[in-house]
């Protein structure tokens, strides 16, 4: 059983993103190290509002645009998490 649910925002917390250029986001190693340590005894949830502005607030469209690149980045960066929420 996990002790707590700990939530993290993606852009500006787990990675640095300039001008909403999500494909070129750079991981923040210190934050990822902390998240991966917390993962051992807690549930990690990542939130992102990627593409919400470009989707006029439509969560379904934003998720469709963001999901593939975001999931691939988190894998590449080695971020351990239980759930990601788009929108």
C-alpha atoms as a PDB file:
ATOM      1  CA  UNK A   1       0.000   0.000   0.000  1.00  0.00           C
ATOM      2  CA  UNK A   2       1.250   3.468  -0.898  1.00  0.00           C
ATOM      3  CA  UNK A   3       1.548   6.031   1.894  1.00  0.00           C
ATOM      4  CA  UNK A   4       0.519   9.226   0.097  1.00  0.00           C
ATOM      5  CA  UNK A   5      -0.559  10.546  -3.263  1.00  0.00           C
ATOM      6  CA  UNK A   6       1.988  13.118  -4.408  1.00  0.00           C
ATOM      7  CA  UNK A   7       1.231  15.276  -7.438  1.00  0.00           C
ATOM      8  CA  UNK A   8       3.663  17.078  -9.729  1.00  0.00           C
ATOM      9  CA  UNK A   9       3.141  19.468 -12.601  1.00  0.00           C
ATOM     10  CA  UNK A  10       5.120  18.592 -15.714  1.00  0.00           C
ATOM     11  CA  UNK A  11       6.324  21.768 -17.396  1.00  0.00           C
ATOM     12  CA  UNK A  12       8.365  23.979 -15.121  1.00  0.00           C
ATOM     13  CA  UNK A  13       8.671  21.286 -12.435  1.00  0.00           C
ATOM     14  CA  UNK A  14       9.772  18.008 -14.053  1.00  0.00           C
ATOM     15  CA  UNK A  15      11.096  19.686 -17.194  1.00  0.00           C
ATOM     16  CA  UNK A  16      11.916  23.094 -18.597  1.00  0.00           C
ATOM     17  CA  UNK A  17       9.871  24.105 -21.618  1.00  0.00           C
ATOM     18  CA  UNK A  18      10.416  27.281 -23.594  1.00  0.00           C
ATOM     19  CA  UNK A  19       7.577  28.963 -25.505  1.00  0.00           C
ATOM     20  CA  UNK A  20       5.350  25.853 -25.288  1.00  0.00           C
ATOM     21  CA  UNK A  21       7.831  23.964 -27.485  1.00  0.00           C
ATOM     22  CA  UNK A  22       7.053  20.643 -25.779  1.00  0.00           C
ATOM     23  CA  UNK A  23       9.082  18.423 -28.103  1.00  0.00           C
ATOM     24  CA  UNK A  24      12.263  20.204 -27.008  1.00  0.00           C
ATOM     25  CA  UNK A  25      11.572  20.173 -23.263  1.00  0.00           C
ATOM     26  CA  UNK A  26      14.619  19.454 -21.108  1.00  0.00           C
ATOM     27  CA  UNK A  27      14.390  17.237 -18.010  1.00  0.00           C
ATOM     28  CA  UNK A  28      15.234  18.589 -14.562  1.00  0.00           C
ATOM     29  CA  UNK A  29      17.411  15.796 -13.149  1.00  0.00           C
ATOM     30  CA  UNK A  30      17.151  16.900  -9.515  1.00  0.00           C
ATOM     31  CA  UNK A  31      13.340  16.799  -9.588  1.00  0.00           C
ATOM     32  CA  UNK A  32      13.269  13.439 -11.368  1.00  0.00           C
ATOM     33  CA  UNK A  33      15.595  11.972  -8.752  1.00  0.00           C
ATOM     34  CA  UNK A  34      13.255  13.149  -5.973  1.00  0.00           C
ATOM     35  CA  UNK A  35      10.168  11.789  -7.757  1.00  0.00           C
ATOM     36  CA  UNK A  36      11.790   8.404  -8.314  1.00  0.00           C
ATOM     37  CA  UNK A  37      12.760   8.187  -4.651  1.00  0.00           C
ATOM     38  CA  UNK A  38       9.218   9.097  -3.548  1.00  0.00           C
ATOM     39  CA  UNK A  39       7.799   6.502  -5.974  1.00  0.00           C
ATOM     40  CA  UNK A  40       9.013   3.677  -3.743  1.00  0.00           C
ATOM     41  CA  UNK A  41       6.484   4.366  -0.981  1.00  0.00           C
ATOM     42  CA  UNK A  42       3.954   6.749  -2.510  1.00  0.00           C
ATOM     43  CA  UNK A  43       1.624   7.089  -5.469  1.00  0.00           C
ATOM     44  CA  UNK A  44       2.970   9.600  -7.996  1.00  0.00           C
ATOM     45  CA  UNK A  45       0.520  11.540 -10.176  1.00  0.00           C
ATOM     46  CA  UNK A  46       1.670  13.916 -12.908  1.00  0.00           C
ATOM     47  CA  UNK A  47      -0.536  16.738 -14.147  1.00  0.00           C
ATOM     48  CA  UNK A  48      -0.119  18.603 -17.405  1.00  0.00           C
ATOM     49  CA  UNK A  49      -2.064  21.270 -19.243  1.00  0.00           C
ATOM     50  CA  UNK A  50      -0.057  20.813 -22.427  1.00  0.00           C
ATOM     51  CA  UNK A  51      -1.988  21.968 -25.500  1.00  0.00           C
ATOM     52  CA  UNK A  52      -4.986  23.190 -23.489  1.00  0.00           C
ATOM     53  CA  UNK A  53      -4.608  26.731 -24.836  1.00  0.00           C
ATOM     54  CA  UNK A  54      -4.250  25.538 -28.420  1.00  0.00           C
ATOM     55  CA  UNK A  55      -7.260  23.254 -27.916  1.00  0.00           C
ATOM     56  CA  UNK A  56      -9.537  26.028 -26.599  1.00  0.00           C
ATOM     57  CA  UNK A  57      -9.862  24.186 -23.280  1.00  0.00           C
ATOM     58  CA  UNK A  58     -10.980  20.887 -24.838  1.00  0.00           C
ATOM     59  CA  UNK A  59      -9.333  18.195 -22.713  1.00  0.00           C
ATOM     60  CA  UNK A  60      -9.905  15.385 -25.212  1.00  0.00           C
ATOM     61  CA  UNK A  61      -8.139  17.255 -28.004  1.00  0.00           C
ATOM     62  CA  UNK A  62      -5.315  18.407 -25.726  1.00  0.00           C
ATOM     63  CA  UNK A  63      -4.735  14.835 -24.566  1.00  0.00           C
ATOM     64  CA  UNK A  64      -4.699  13.592 -28.155  1.00  0.00           C
ATOM     65  CA  UNK A  65      -2.047  16.160 -29.081  1.00  0.00           C
ATOM     66  CA  UNK A  66       0.088  15.754 -25.959  1.00  0.00           C
ATOM     67  CA  UNK A  67      -0.076  12.104 -24.944  1.00  0.00           C
ATOM     68  CA  UNK A  68       2.417  10.421 -27.274  1.00  0.00           C
ATOM     69  CA  UNK A  69       5.241  12.943 -26.958  1.00  0.00           C
ATOM     70  CA  UNK A  70       4.714  13.336 -23.212  1.00  0.00           C
ATOM     71  CA  UNK A  71       4.684   9.605 -22.404  1.00  0.00           C
ATOM     72  CA  UNK A  72       7.777   9.094 -24.564  1.00  0.00           C
ATOM     73  CA  UNK A  73       9.608  11.925 -22.808  1.00  0.00           C
ATOM     74  CA  UNK A  74       8.806  10.571 -19.351  1.00  0.00           C
ATOM     75  CA  UNK A  75      10.108   7.135 -20.392  1.00  0.00           C
ATOM     76  CA  UNK A  76      13.251   8.625 -21.935  1.00  0.00           C
ATOM     77  CA  UNK A  77      13.924  10.693 -18.823  1.00  0.00           C
ATOM     78  CA  UNK A  78      13.320   7.715 -16.521  1.00  0.00           C
ATOM     79  CA  UNK A  79      10.482   9.299 -14.544  1.00  0.00           C
ATOM     80  CA  UNK A  80       8.605   6.777 -12.402  1.00  0.00           C
ATOM     81  CA  UNK A  81       4.915   7.524 -11.933  1.00  0.00           C
ATOM     82  CA  UNK A  82       1.602   5.771 -11.465  1.00  0.00           C
ATOM     83  CA  UNK A  83      -0.744   8.076 -13.341  1.00  0.00           C
ATOM     84  CA  UNK A  84      -0.687  11.073 -15.648  1.00  0.00           C
ATOM     85  CA  UNK A  85      -3.619  13.457 -16.062  1.00  0.00           C
ATOM     86  CA  UNK A  86      -3.994  15.645 -19.141  1.00  0.00           C
ATOM     87  CA  UNK A  87      -6.154  18.734 -19.280  1.00  0.00           C
END
